[in-house]
Amino acid sequence: MIKPIELVIFDCDGVLVDSERIAARVQVALGAELGWPLTESEVVDRFIGRSHAAIREQVAARLGEDTAAVWSARFEDLHREAVDAGLTPVDGLPEALDALTLPTCVASSGSHGKMRHTLGRTGLYERFAGRIYSATEVARGKPAPDLFLYAARQAGVDPAACVVVEDSRPGVDAARAAGMRAFGYAGGLTPAERLEGPGTVVFHDMRELPALIAEQR
């Protein structure tokens, strides 16, 4: 028997704020500068949805720890500059949040500092203040289930009564591993077929989300 939904867990980058395009552009530029040429598609496959630490491990394995340290520092600076220059909420996201009546929270691979910045720049931080969780708080980032299970525990909700809104393959994999239903937002960089799988509804317009969640209840 499917449990009624009690909590909607949102990823941050690419789901609440339209930052994945910025991150991908910066990663491609850093790869060209530091010796690892990457296409946007390769960045999506390797980096999108993963924690800062997991990305740094990949860069270190390819280019060495010293270069990985430079890459990480440069990414933080360039990403912040680009966010300040014009970050916006994901199209349709404010309307979706206004229409939702269920409790919500955020569970992201990004750090708390990064989320304070991006959610703050887009006027979304206060909507979730006190209910924001980061991969830095758990042992393993996505695609492991740790972060989503942690968010459910903090809210006092059974994982089976949670749904996750994600835009990356590691994110939907983490939701499935946590025993949660997933809504895969395919309006960003990740192709719809990369989000498809058991217990997952794929959609393209964030305005559709409240009705899709209502159908699951």
N, C-alpha and C. Protein backbone atom coordinates (compact mmCIF):
# COMPACT_ATOMS: atom_id res chain seq x y z
N MET A 1 0.84 -1.20 0.00
CA MET A 1 0.00 0.00 0.00
C MET A 1 0.88 1.25 0.00
N ILE A 2 0.59 2.19 -0.91
CA ILE A 2 1.37 3.42 -1.02
C ILE A 2 0.94 4.39 0.08
N LYS A 3 1.93 4.91 0.81
CA LYS A 3 1.62 5.83 1.91
C LYS A 3 1.27 7.21 1.36
N PRO A 4 0.36 7.92 2.03
CA PRO A 4 0.08 9.30 1.63
C PRO A 4 1.34 10.16 1.76
N ILE A 5 1.47 11.14 0.90
CA ILE A 5 2.65 12.02 0.92
C ILE A 5 2.55 12.99 2.09
N GLU A 6 3.64 13.06 2.86
CA GLU A 6 3.70 13.98 4.00
C GLU A 6 4.78 15.04 3.86
N LEU A 7 5.73 14.82 2.94
CA LEU A 7 6.84 15.76 2.80
C LEU A 7 7.33 15.77 1.35
N VAL A 8 7.56 16.98 0.82
CA VAL A 8 8.15 17.15 -0.51
C VAL A 8 9.58 17.67 -0.32
N ILE A 9 10.56 16.89 -0.77
CA ILE A 9 11.96 17.24 -0.63
C ILE A 9 12.46 17.77 -1.98
N PHE A 10 12.91 19.01 -2.00
CA PHE A 10 13.43 19.62 -3.21
C PHE A 10 14.95 19.60 -3.24
N ASP A 11 15.52 19.19 -4.37
CA ASP A 11 16.90 19.51 -4.65
C ASP A 11 16.96 21.03 -4.84
N CYS A 12 18.16 21.60 -4.86
CA CYS A 12 18.28 23.05 -5.01
C CYS A 12 18.68 23.45 -6.44
N ASP A 13 19.91 23.14 -6.83
CA ASP A 13 20.41 23.58 -8.13
C ASP A 13 19.68 22.88 -9.27
N GLY A 14 19.09 23.67 -10.15
CA GLY A 14 18.37 23.12 -11.29
C GLY A 14 16.93 22.79 -11.00
N VAL A 15 16.52 22.82 -9.73
CA VAL A 15 15.14 22.55 -9.34
C VAL A 15 14.50 23.81 -8.75
N LEU A 16 15.18 24.44 -7.81
CA LEU A 16 14.70 25.70 -7.25
C LEU A 16 15.30 26.90 -7.97
N VAL A 17 16.61 26.85 -8.19
CA VAL A 17 17.30 27.95 -8.87
C VAL A 17 17.91 27.45 -10.16
N ASP A 18 17.91 28.30 -11.18
CA ASP A 18 18.37 27.91 -12.51
C ASP A 18 19.88 28.07 -12.60
N SER A 19 20.57 27.29 -11.77
CA SER A 19 22.02 27.44 -11.62
C SER A 19 22.84 26.37 -12.32
N GLU A 20 22.22 25.28 -12.76
CA GLU A 20 23.00 24.20 -13.37
C GLU A 20 23.63 24.64 -14.68
N ARG A 21 22.94 25.48 -15.42
CA ARG A 21 23.53 25.99 -16.66
C ARG A 21 24.76 26.83 -16.37
N ILE A 22 24.69 27.63 -15.30
CA ILE A 22 25.85 28.42 -14.89
C ILE A 22 26.99 27.50 -14.48
N ALA A 23 26.68 26.48 -13.64
CA ALA A 23 27.72 25.57 -13.17
C ALA A 23 28.36 24.83 -14.32
N ALA A 24 27.56 24.35 -15.26
CA ALA A 24 28.11 23.61 -16.40
C ALA A 24 29.02 24.50 -17.23
N ARG A 25 28.59 25.73 -17.47
CA ARG A 25 29.41 26.66 -18.26
C ARG A 25 30.75 26.92 -17.57
N VAL A 26 30.72 27.09 -16.26
CA VAL A 26 31.96 27.34 -15.52
C VAL A 26 32.86 26.10 -15.54
N GLN A 27 32.28 24.92 -15.39
CA GLN A 27 33.09 23.69 -15.40
C GLN A 27 33.74 23.46 -16.76
N VAL A 28 33.02 23.73 -17.83
CA VAL A 28 33.60 23.60 -19.17
C VAL A 28 34.78 24.56 -19.34
N ALA A 29 34.61 25.80 -18.87
CA ALA A 29 35.68 26.79 -18.98
C ALA A 29 36.90 26.39 -18.15
N LEU A 30 36.67 25.86 -16.95
CA LEU A 30 37.78 25.43 -16.10
C LEU A 30 38.50 24.23 -16.70
N GLY A 31 37.75 23.32 -17.28
CA GLY A 31 38.38 22.17 -17.93
C GLY A 31 39.30 22.59 -19.05
N ALA A 32 38.86 23.55 -19.86
CA ALA A 32 39.68 24.05 -20.96
C ALA A 32 40.93 24.76 -20.44
N GLU A 33 40.78 25.45 -19.33
CA GLU A 33 41.89 26.22 -18.75
C GLU A 33 42.92 25.34 -18.05
N LEU A 34 42.44 24.28 -17.39
CA LEU A 34 43.31 23.51 -16.50
C LEU A 34 43.72 22.14 -17.05
N GLY A 35 43.29 21.81 -18.26
CA GLY A 35 43.83 20.61 -18.88
C GLY A 35 42.92 19.40 -18.95
N TRP A 36 41.62 19.61 -18.78
CA TRP A 36 40.67 18.51 -18.94
C TRP A 36 39.51 18.99 -19.80
N PRO A 37 39.66 19.01 -21.11
CA PRO A 37 38.59 19.49 -21.99
C PRO A 37 37.32 18.66 -21.81
N LEU A 38 36.22 19.34 -21.55
CA LEU A 38 34.94 18.68 -21.31
C LEU A 38 33.85 19.38 -22.11
N THR A 39 32.93 18.60 -22.68
CA THR A 39 31.74 19.18 -23.27
C THR A 39 30.68 19.37 -22.19
N GLU A 40 29.65 20.14 -22.50
CA GLU A 40 28.56 20.33 -21.54
C GLU A 40 27.92 18.99 -21.19
N SER A 41 27.74 18.12 -22.20
CA SER A 41 27.14 16.81 -21.96
C SER A 41 27.99 15.97 -21.00
N GLU A 42 29.31 16.04 -21.15
CA GLU A 42 30.20 15.31 -20.24
C GLU A 42 30.13 15.87 -18.82
N VAL A 43 30.01 17.18 -18.70
CA VAL A 43 29.87 17.79 -17.37
C VAL A 43 28.58 17.32 -16.71
N VAL A 44 27.50 17.26 -17.48
CA VAL A 44 26.22 16.77 -16.94
C VAL A 44 26.38 15.34 -16.43
N ASP A 45 27.00 14.49 -17.23
CA ASP A 45 27.16 13.08 -16.85
C ASP A 45 28.06 12.92 -15.63
N ARG A 46 29.13 13.69 -15.55
CA ARG A 46 30.15 13.49 -14.51
C ARG A 46 29.87 14.28 -13.22
N PHE A 47 29.37 15.51 -13.36
CA PHE A 47 29.36 16.43 -12.23
C PHE A 47 27.98 16.82 -11.71
N ILE A 48 27.01 16.98 -12.62
CA ILE A 48 25.72 17.53 -12.18
C ILE A 48 25.04 16.59 -11.19
N GLY A 49 24.62 17.16 -10.07
CA GLY A 49 23.95 16.39 -9.02
C GLY A 49 24.87 15.84 -7.96
N ARG A 50 26.18 15.97 -8.18
CA ARG A 50 27.15 15.41 -7.23
C ARG A 50 27.70 16.50 -6.31
N SER A 51 28.22 16.07 -5.18
CA SER A 51 28.73 17.02 -4.18
C SER A 51 30.04 17.64 -4.64
N HIS A 52 30.38 18.75 -4.02
CA HIS A 52 31.65 19.43 -4.28
C HIS A 52 32.83 18.47 -4.05
N ALA A 53 32.74 17.69 -2.98
CA ALA A 53 33.82 16.75 -2.65
C ALA A 53 33.95 15.66 -3.72
N ALA A 54 32.82 15.17 -4.23
CA ALA A 54 32.86 14.12 -5.25
C ALA A 54 33.44 14.64 -6.55
N ILE A 55 33.10 15.88 -6.91
CA ILE A 55 33.67 16.48 -8.12
C ILE A 55 35.17 16.68 -7.95
N ARG A 56 35.58 17.16 -6.80
CA ARG A 56 37.00 17.37 -6.55
C ARG A 56 37.78 16.06 -6.64
N GLU A 57 37.19 14.97 -6.15
CA GLU A 57 37.85 13.66 -6.25
C GLU A 57 38.08 13.26 -7.71
N GLN A 58 37.08 13.53 -8.55
CA GLN A 58 37.23 13.20 -9.97
C GLN A 58 38.35 14.02 -10.61
N VAL A 59 38.38 15.30 -10.29
CA VAL A 59 39.42 16.17 -10.87
C VAL A 59 40.80 15.74 -10.38
N ALA A 60 40.89 15.41 -9.09
CA ALA A 60 42.18 14.99 -8.53
C ALA A 60 42.66 13.70 -9.19
N ALA A 61 41.75 12.77 -9.44
CA ALA A 61 42.13 11.51 -10.08
C ALA A 61 42.65 11.74 -11.49
N ARG A 62 42.13 12.77 -12.14
CA ARG A 62 42.51 13.06 -13.53
C ARG A 62 43.75 13.96 -13.61
N LEU A 63 43.79 14.99 -12.75
CA LEU A 63 44.82 16.04 -12.91
C LEU A 63 45.74 16.21 -11.71
N GLY A 64 45.46 15.49 -10.60
CA GLY A 64 46.28 15.63 -9.40
C GLY A 64 45.62 16.54 -8.38
N GLU A 65 46.01 16.37 -7.13
CA GLU A 65 45.38 17.08 -6.02
C GLU A 65 45.62 18.59 -6.09
N ASP A 66 46.82 19.00 -6.50
CA ASP A 66 47.11 20.44 -6.57
C ASP A 66 46.18 21.14 -7.57
N THR A 67 46.02 20.54 -8.73
CA THR A 67 45.14 21.13 -9.73
C THR A 67 43.69 21.08 -9.27
N ALA A 68 43.32 20.01 -8.59
CA ALA A 68 41.95 19.90 -8.07
C ALA A 68 41.66 21.02 -7.08
N ALA A 69 42.64 21.38 -6.27
CA ALA A 69 42.45 22.47 -5.30
C ALA A 69 42.25 23.79 -6.02
N VAL A 70 43.04 24.02 -7.07
CA VAL A 70 42.88 25.24 -7.86
C VAL A 70 41.52 25.26 -8.54
N TRP A 71 41.15 24.14 -9.13
CA TRP A 71 39.86 24.02 -9.82
C TRP A 71 38.71 24.36 -8.86
N SER A 72 38.74 23.78 -7.67
CA SER A 72 37.67 24.00 -6.70
C SER A 72 37.55 25.46 -6.30
N ALA A 73 38.70 26.07 -6.03
CA ALA A 73 38.71 27.47 -5.61
C ALA A 73 38.22 28.38 -6.74
N ARG A 74 38.69 28.11 -7.94
CA ARG A 74 38.28 28.91 -9.11
C ARG A 74 36.79 28.74 -9.38
N PHE A 75 36.30 27.51 -9.21
CA PHE A 75 34.87 27.29 -9.44
C PHE A 75 34.04 28.12 -8.46
N GLU A 76 34.41 28.11 -7.19
CA GLU A 76 33.65 28.87 -6.19
C GLU A 76 33.59 30.35 -6.58
N ASP A 77 34.72 30.90 -6.98
CA ASP A 77 34.77 32.33 -7.33
C ASP A 77 33.96 32.64 -8.58
N LEU A 78 34.17 31.84 -9.63
CA LEU A 78 33.49 32.10 -10.90
C LEU A 78 31.99 31.85 -10.80
N HIS A 79 31.62 30.81 -10.05
CA HIS A 79 30.20 30.51 -9.87
C HIS A 79 29.51 31.64 -9.12
N ARG A 80 30.14 32.14 -8.07
CA ARG A 80 29.54 33.24 -7.29
C ARG A 80 29.36 34.48 -8.17
N GLU A 81 30.38 34.79 -8.98
CA GLU A 81 30.28 35.96 -9.86
C GLU A 81 29.12 35.81 -10.84
N ALA A 82 28.98 34.61 -11.41
CA ALA A 82 27.92 34.38 -12.39
C ALA A 82 26.54 34.42 -11.73
N VAL A 83 26.43 33.87 -10.53
CA VAL A 83 25.17 33.92 -9.79
C VAL A 83 24.78 35.37 -9.51
N ASP A 84 25.73 36.15 -9.07
CA ASP A 84 25.45 37.56 -8.77
C ASP A 84 25.05 38.33 -10.03
N ALA A 85 25.51 37.87 -11.18
CA ALA A 85 25.24 38.58 -12.43
C ALA A 85 23.85 38.30 -12.99
N GLY A 86 23.17 37.27 -12.50
CA GLY A 86 21.85 37.05 -13.08
C GLY A 86 21.16 35.73 -12.79
N LEU A 87 21.30 35.18 -11.60
CA LEU A 87 20.60 33.94 -11.27
C LEU A 87 19.11 34.21 -11.07
N THR A 88 18.27 33.29 -11.55
CA THR A 88 16.83 33.40 -11.38
C THR A 88 16.27 32.08 -10.85
N PRO A 89 15.06 32.10 -10.26
CA PRO A 89 14.41 30.83 -9.93
C PRO A 89 14.15 30.03 -11.20
N VAL A 90 14.03 28.73 -11.08
CA VAL A 90 13.61 27.90 -12.20
C VAL A 90 12.25 28.39 -12.67
N ASP A 91 12.07 28.43 -13.98
CA ASP A 91 10.81 28.92 -14.55
C ASP A 91 9.61 28.15 -13.99
N GLY A 92 8.65 28.86 -13.46
CA GLY A 92 7.45 28.25 -12.92
C GLY A 92 7.56 27.80 -11.48
N LEU A 93 8.76 27.88 -10.90
CA LEU A 93 8.95 27.39 -9.54
C LEU A 93 8.17 28.19 -8.49
N PRO A 94 8.20 29.53 -8.52
CA PRO A 94 7.43 30.26 -7.50
C PRO A 94 5.95 29.91 -7.53
N GLU A 95 5.37 29.76 -8.74
CA GLU A 95 3.97 29.40 -8.84
C GLU A 95 3.71 28.01 -8.27
N ALA A 96 4.63 27.08 -8.53
CA ALA A 96 4.48 25.72 -8.00
C ALA A 96 4.50 25.73 -6.47
N LEU A 97 5.43 26.48 -5.89
CA LEU A 97 5.51 26.54 -4.43
C LEU A 97 4.24 27.16 -3.84
N ASP A 98 3.72 28.18 -4.50
CA ASP A 98 2.50 28.82 -4.00
C ASP A 98 1.32 27.86 -4.00
N ALA A 99 1.32 26.92 -4.96
CA ALA A 99 0.19 26.00 -5.08
C ALA A 99 0.32 24.77 -4.19
N LEU A 100 1.52 24.49 -3.70
CA LEU A 100 1.72 23.31 -2.85
C LEU A 100 1.20 23.56 -1.44
N THR A 101 0.53 22.57 -0.87
CA THR A 101 0.03 22.70 0.50
C THR A 101 0.76 21.78 1.47
N LEU A 102 1.59 20.88 0.96
CA LEU A 102 2.33 19.94 1.80
C LEU A 102 3.58 20.58 2.39
N PRO A 103 4.08 20.06 3.52
CA PRO A 103 5.37 20.52 4.05
C PRO A 103 6.49 20.27 3.03
N THR A 104 7.46 21.15 3.03
CA THR A 104 8.58 21.06 2.09
C THR A 104 9.91 21.25 2.81
N CYS A 105 10.99 20.79 2.16
CA CYS A 105 12.34 21.08 2.63
C CYS A 105 13.27 21.01 1.43
N VAL A 106 14.55 21.35 1.66
CA VAL A 106 15.58 21.30 0.61
C VAL A 106 16.66 20.32 1.04
N ALA A 107 17.12 19.48 0.12
CA ALA A 107 18.23 18.56 0.38
C ALA A 107 19.13 18.58 -0.85
N SER A 108 20.30 19.20 -0.71
CA SER A 108 21.14 19.49 -1.87
C SER A 108 22.56 19.00 -1.70
N SER A 109 23.19 18.70 -2.83
CA SER A 109 24.62 18.37 -2.81
C SER A 109 25.48 19.58 -2.50
N GLY A 110 24.92 20.78 -2.65
CA GLY A 110 25.67 22.00 -2.38
C GLY A 110 25.85 22.25 -0.89
N SER A 111 26.79 23.12 -0.58
CA SER A 111 27.05 23.49 0.82
C SER A 111 25.97 24.46 1.31
N HIS A 112 25.90 24.63 2.62
CA HIS A 112 24.96 25.60 3.18
C HIS A 112 25.29 27.01 2.71
N GLY A 113 26.58 27.32 2.63
CA GLY A 113 26.98 28.65 2.17
C GLY A 113 26.51 28.92 0.75
N LYS A 114 26.69 27.93 -0.11
CA LYS A 114 26.26 28.09 -1.49
C LYS A 114 24.75 28.27 -1.58
N MET A 115 23.99 27.49 -0.80
CA MET A 115 22.53 27.61 -0.84
C MET A 115 22.05 28.93 -0.26
N ARG A 116 22.70 29.41 0.81
CA ARG A 116 22.33 30.73 1.34
C ARG A 116 22.49 31.79 0.27
N HIS A 117 23.55 31.64 -0.53
CA HIS A 117 23.82 32.61 -1.58
C HIS A 117 22.81 32.49 -2.71
N THR A 118 22.63 31.29 -3.27
CA THR A 118 21.76 31.15 -4.44
C THR A 118 20.28 31.34 -4.07
N LEU A 119 19.85 30.74 -2.98
CA LEU A 119 18.45 30.92 -2.57
C LEU A 119 18.20 32.36 -2.12
N GLY A 120 19.20 32.96 -1.50
CA GLY A 120 19.08 34.35 -1.09
C GLY A 120 18.97 35.30 -2.27
N ARG A 121 19.78 35.07 -3.30
CA ARG A 121 19.78 35.93 -4.48
C ARG A 121 18.44 35.87 -5.21
N THR A 122 17.73 34.77 -5.09
CA THR A 122 16.48 34.59 -5.83
C THR A 122 15.24 34.79 -4.95
N GLY A 123 15.44 35.19 -3.71
CA GLY A 123 14.31 35.45 -2.82
C GLY A 123 13.62 34.21 -2.30
N LEU A 124 14.30 33.05 -2.39
CA LEU A 124 13.68 31.79 -1.98
C LEU A 124 14.13 31.32 -0.60
N TYR A 125 15.17 31.90 -0.05
CA TYR A 125 15.74 31.36 1.19
C TYR A 125 14.72 31.32 2.32
N GLU A 126 13.97 32.38 2.49
CA GLU A 126 13.03 32.45 3.61
C GLU A 126 11.91 31.42 3.50
N ARG A 127 11.63 30.96 2.29
CA ARG A 127 10.59 29.94 2.12
C ARG A 127 11.00 28.62 2.76
N PHE A 128 12.32 28.40 2.88
CA PHE A 128 12.81 27.11 3.37
C PHE A 128 13.69 27.22 4.62
N ALA A 129 13.89 28.41 5.13
CA ALA A 129 14.80 28.60 6.26
C ALA A 129 14.47 27.65 7.41
N GLY A 130 15.51 26.97 7.92
CA GLY A 130 15.33 26.00 8.99
C GLY A 130 15.02 24.60 8.51
N ARG A 131 14.83 24.47 7.19
CA ARG A 131 14.51 23.16 6.60
C ARG A 131 15.39 22.92 5.37
N ILE A 132 16.66 23.28 5.50
CA ILE A 132 17.62 23.16 4.40
C ILE A 132 18.75 22.23 4.83
N TYR A 133 19.00 21.18 4.05
CA TYR A 133 19.99 20.16 4.40
C TYR A 133 21.00 20.00 3.27
N SER A 134 22.24 19.76 3.67
CA SER A 134 23.36 19.69 2.72
C SER A 134 24.06 18.34 2.80
N ALA A 135 24.63 17.94 1.67
CA ALA A 135 25.42 16.70 1.64
C ALA A 135 26.61 16.76 2.59
N THR A 136 27.00 17.97 3.00
CA THR A 136 28.11 18.10 3.96
C THR A 136 27.74 17.55 5.33
N GLU A 137 26.45 17.29 5.56
CA GLU A 137 25.99 16.81 6.86
C GLU A 137 25.90 15.28 6.94
N VAL A 138 26.18 14.60 5.85
CA VAL A 138 26.05 13.13 5.83
C VAL A 138 27.33 12.50 5.31
N ALA A 139 27.45 11.18 5.51
CA ALA A 139 28.68 10.48 5.13
C ALA A 139 28.86 10.38 3.63
N ARG A 140 27.76 10.15 2.91
CA ARG A 140 27.84 9.93 1.47
C ARG A 140 26.84 10.83 0.75
N GLY A 141 27.31 11.44 -0.34
CA GLY A 141 26.42 12.26 -1.14
C GLY A 141 25.65 11.42 -2.15
N LYS A 142 24.79 12.06 -2.91
CA LYS A 142 24.05 11.39 -3.97
C LYS A 142 25.04 10.77 -4.96
N PRO A 143 24.77 9.57 -5.46
CA PRO A 143 23.50 8.83 -5.51
C PRO A 143 23.21 7.96 -4.29
N ALA A 144 24.02 8.02 -3.23
CA ALA A 144 23.68 7.32 -1.99
C ALA A 144 22.43 7.97 -1.39
N PRO A 145 21.65 7.23 -0.61
CA PRO A 145 20.39 7.76 -0.07
C PRO A 145 20.55 8.61 1.18
N ASP A 146 21.76 8.73 1.71
CA ASP A 146 21.98 9.32 3.03
C ASP A 146 21.31 10.68 3.24
N LEU A 147 21.45 11.58 2.27
CA LEU A 147 20.95 12.93 2.46
C LEU A 147 19.43 12.96 2.54
N PHE A 148 18.76 12.23 1.67
CA PHE A 148 17.30 12.22 1.70
C PHE A 148 16.77 11.53 2.96
N LEU A 149 17.44 10.49 3.40
CA LEU A 149 17.04 9.83 4.64
C LEU A 149 17.24 10.77 5.83
N TYR A 150 18.32 11.54 5.81
CA TYR A 150 18.59 12.51 6.86
C TYR A 150 17.48 13.58 6.89
N ALA A 151 17.10 14.07 5.72
CA ALA A 151 16.03 15.08 5.66
C ALA A 151 14.73 14.52 6.22
N ALA A 152 14.42 13.27 5.88
CA ALA A 152 13.19 12.66 6.39
C ALA A 152 13.24 12.54 7.92
N ARG A 153 14.39 12.12 8.45
CA ARG A 153 14.53 12.00 9.92
C ARG A 153 14.35 13.36 10.58
N GLN A 154 14.96 14.39 10.01
CA GLN A 154 14.85 15.73 10.61
C GLN A 154 13.39 16.20 10.63
N ALA A 155 12.63 15.78 9.64
CA ALA A 155 11.23 16.18 9.58
C ALA A 155 10.32 15.23 10.35
N GLY A 156 10.86 14.09 10.79
CA GLY A 156 10.06 13.11 11.49
C GLY A 156 9.05 12.40 10.61
N VAL A 157 9.44 12.18 9.33
CA VAL A 157 8.53 11.58 8.35
C VAL A 157 9.13 10.27 7.85
N ASP A 158 8.29 9.25 7.71
CA ASP A 158 8.72 7.97 7.14
C ASP A 158 9.19 8.20 5.70
N PRO A 159 10.36 7.64 5.31
CA PRO A 159 10.82 7.82 3.93
C PRO A 159 9.77 7.45 2.89
N ALA A 160 8.96 6.44 3.17
CA ALA A 160 7.93 6.01 2.22
C ALA A 160 6.85 7.07 2.02
N ALA A 161 6.78 8.05 2.92
CA ALA A 161 5.80 9.12 2.81
C ALA A 161 6.41 10.40 2.24
N CYS A 162 7.65 10.30 1.74
CA CYS A 162 8.34 11.44 1.14
C CYS A 162 8.38 11.31 -0.37
N VAL A 163 8.34 12.45 -1.05
CA VAL A 163 8.64 12.49 -2.48
C VAL A 163 9.77 13.48 -2.70
N VAL A 164 10.56 13.23 -3.73
CA VAL A 164 11.74 14.03 -4.02
C VAL A 164 11.58 14.66 -5.40
N VAL A 165 11.93 15.94 -5.50
CA VAL A 165 11.94 16.63 -6.80
C VAL A 165 13.39 16.84 -7.19
N GLU A 166 13.82 16.22 -8.27
CA GLU A 166 15.22 16.21 -8.68
C GLU A 166 15.36 16.49 -10.18
N ASP A 167 16.55 16.91 -10.58
CA ASP A 167 16.81 17.15 -11.99
C ASP A 167 18.05 16.42 -12.49
N SER A 168 18.62 15.52 -11.68
CA SER A 168 19.85 14.83 -12.08
C SER A 168 19.71 13.32 -11.87
N ARG A 169 20.51 12.58 -12.61
CA ARG A 169 20.50 11.12 -12.46
C ARG A 169 20.94 10.70 -11.06
N PRO A 170 22.05 11.26 -10.51
CA PRO A 170 22.40 10.88 -9.14
C PRO A 170 21.28 11.18 -8.14
N GLY A 171 20.54 12.25 -8.39
CA GLY A 171 19.46 12.62 -7.48
C GLY A 171 18.30 11.64 -7.49
N VAL A 172 17.84 11.27 -8.69
CA VAL A 172 16.73 10.31 -8.73
C VAL A 172 17.18 8.93 -8.25
N ASP A 173 18.43 8.57 -8.52
CA ASP A 173 18.96 7.31 -8.00
C ASP A 173 18.97 7.32 -6.47
N ALA A 174 19.34 8.46 -5.88
CA ALA A 174 19.36 8.58 -4.42
C ALA A 174 17.96 8.46 -3.84
N ALA A 175 16.99 9.07 -4.51
CA ALA A 175 15.60 8.98 -4.04
C ALA A 175 15.13 7.53 -4.05
N ARG A 176 15.40 6.83 -5.14
CA ARG A 176 14.99 5.42 -5.23
C ARG A 176 15.67 4.59 -4.15
N ALA A 177 16.97 4.85 -3.92
CA ALA A 177 17.70 4.11 -2.90
C ALA A 177 17.15 4.37 -1.50
N ALA A 178 16.56 5.56 -1.31
CA ALA A 178 15.97 5.92 -0.02
C ALA A 178 14.56 5.39 0.15
N GLY A 179 14.02 4.74 -0.90
CA GLY A 179 12.65 4.25 -0.83
C GLY A 179 11.62 5.33 -0.99
N MET A 180 11.99 6.41 -1.69
CA MET A 180 11.09 7.54 -1.90
C MET A 180 10.68 7.63 -3.36
N ARG A 181 9.47 8.10 -3.59
CA ARG A 181 9.04 8.38 -4.95
C ARG A 181 9.74 9.65 -5.45
N ALA A 182 9.97 9.73 -6.75
CA ALA A 182 10.71 10.86 -7.31
C ALA A 182 9.93 11.51 -8.44
N PHE A 183 10.11 12.82 -8.55
CA PHE A 183 9.64 13.58 -9.69
C PHE A 183 10.88 14.14 -10.38
N GLY A 184 11.14 13.67 -11.60
CA GLY A 184 12.33 14.07 -12.33
C GLY A 184 12.03 15.24 -13.25
N TYR A 185 12.60 16.41 -12.93
CA TYR A 185 12.37 17.62 -13.72
C TYR A 185 13.31 17.63 -14.92
N ALA A 186 12.73 17.50 -16.11
CA ALA A 186 13.53 17.40 -17.33
C ALA A 186 13.52 18.71 -18.12
N GLY A 187 13.28 19.82 -17.42
CA GLY A 187 13.30 21.11 -18.09
C GLY A 187 14.66 21.78 -18.05
N GLY A 188 15.66 21.07 -17.52
CA GLY A 188 16.99 21.65 -17.42
C GLY A 188 17.98 20.98 -18.35
N LEU A 189 19.15 20.60 -17.82
CA LEU A 189 20.23 20.06 -18.64
C LEU A 189 20.16 18.55 -18.82
N THR A 190 19.61 17.84 -17.86
CA THR A 190 19.61 16.37 -17.93
C THR A 190 18.49 15.88 -18.82
N PRO A 191 18.79 15.07 -19.84
CA PRO A 191 17.74 14.55 -20.72
C PRO A 191 16.73 13.70 -19.95
N ALA A 192 15.48 13.72 -20.42
CA ALA A 192 14.40 13.02 -19.73
C ALA A 192 14.71 11.54 -19.54
N GLU A 193 15.33 10.91 -20.56
CA GLU A 193 15.59 9.48 -20.45
C GLU A 193 16.58 9.14 -19.36
N ARG A 194 17.42 10.10 -18.95
CA ARG A 194 18.36 9.86 -17.87
C ARG A 194 17.68 9.88 -16.50
N LEU A 195 16.48 10.43 -16.45
CA LEU A 195 15.74 10.54 -15.19
C LEU A 195 14.73 9.41 -15.02
N GLU A 196 14.37 8.75 -16.09
CA GLU A 196 13.33 7.74 -16.05
C GLU A 196 13.76 6.52 -15.23
N GLY A 197 12.78 5.87 -14.61
CA GLY A 197 13.07 4.66 -13.84
C GLY A 197 11.94 4.36 -12.89
N PRO A 198 12.09 3.31 -12.08
CA PRO A 198 11.03 2.90 -11.16
C PRO A 198 10.66 4.01 -10.18
N GLY A 199 9.36 4.14 -9.94
CA GLY A 199 8.89 5.10 -8.94
C GLY A 199 9.17 6.54 -9.27
N THR A 200 9.34 6.86 -10.55
CA THR A 200 9.71 8.21 -10.96
C THR A 200 8.76 8.74 -12.02
N VAL A 201 8.25 9.94 -11.79
CA VAL A 201 7.44 10.65 -12.77
C VAL A 201 8.31 11.74 -13.38
N VAL A 202 8.50 11.71 -14.68
CA VAL A 202 9.30 12.72 -15.37
C VAL A 202 8.38 13.80 -15.92
N PHE A 203 8.74 15.07 -15.71
CA PHE A 203 7.91 16.18 -16.19
C PHE A 203 8.82 17.30 -16.69
N HIS A 204 8.25 18.23 -17.46
CA HIS A 204 9.07 19.25 -18.13
C HIS A 204 8.76 20.69 -17.71
N ASP A 205 7.65 20.92 -17.05
CA ASP A 205 7.25 22.27 -16.66
C ASP A 205 6.97 22.27 -15.16
N MET A 206 7.69 23.11 -14.42
CA MET A 206 7.57 23.11 -12.96
C MET A 206 6.15 23.45 -12.50
N ARG A 207 5.40 24.14 -13.35
CA ARG A 207 4.02 24.47 -12.98
C ARG A 207 3.14 23.23 -12.87
N GLU A 208 3.57 22.13 -13.49
CA GLU A 208 2.80 20.89 -13.46
C GLU A 208 2.94 20.15 -12.12
N LEU A 209 3.98 20.51 -11.34
CA LEU A 209 4.32 19.70 -10.16
C LEU A 209 3.19 19.55 -9.15
N PRO A 210 2.49 20.62 -8.73
CA PRO A 210 1.46 20.43 -7.71
C PRO A 210 0.39 19.42 -8.13
N ALA A 211 -0.05 19.46 -9.39
CA ALA A 211 -1.06 18.51 -9.85
C ALA A 211 -0.51 17.10 -9.91
N LEU A 212 0.75 16.95 -10.32
CA LEU A 212 1.36 15.63 -10.36
C LEU A 212 1.47 15.03 -8.97
N ILE A 213 1.84 15.85 -8.00
CA ILE A 213 1.93 15.37 -6.62
C ILE A 213 0.55 14.99 -6.10
N ALA A 214 -0.46 15.80 -6.43
CA ALA A 214 -1.82 15.52 -5.99
C ALA A 214 -2.30 14.17 -6.52
N GLU A 215 -1.88 13.83 -7.75
CA GLU A 215 -2.25 12.54 -8.34
C GLU A 215 -1.66 11.36 -7.57
N GLN A 216 -0.50 11.59 -6.93
CA GLN A 216 0.18 10.55 -6.18
C GLN A 216 -0.41 10.36 -4.78
N ARG A 217 -1.21 11.29 -4.34
CA ARG A 217 -1.74 11.24 -2.98
C ARG A 217 -2.96 10.35 -2.89
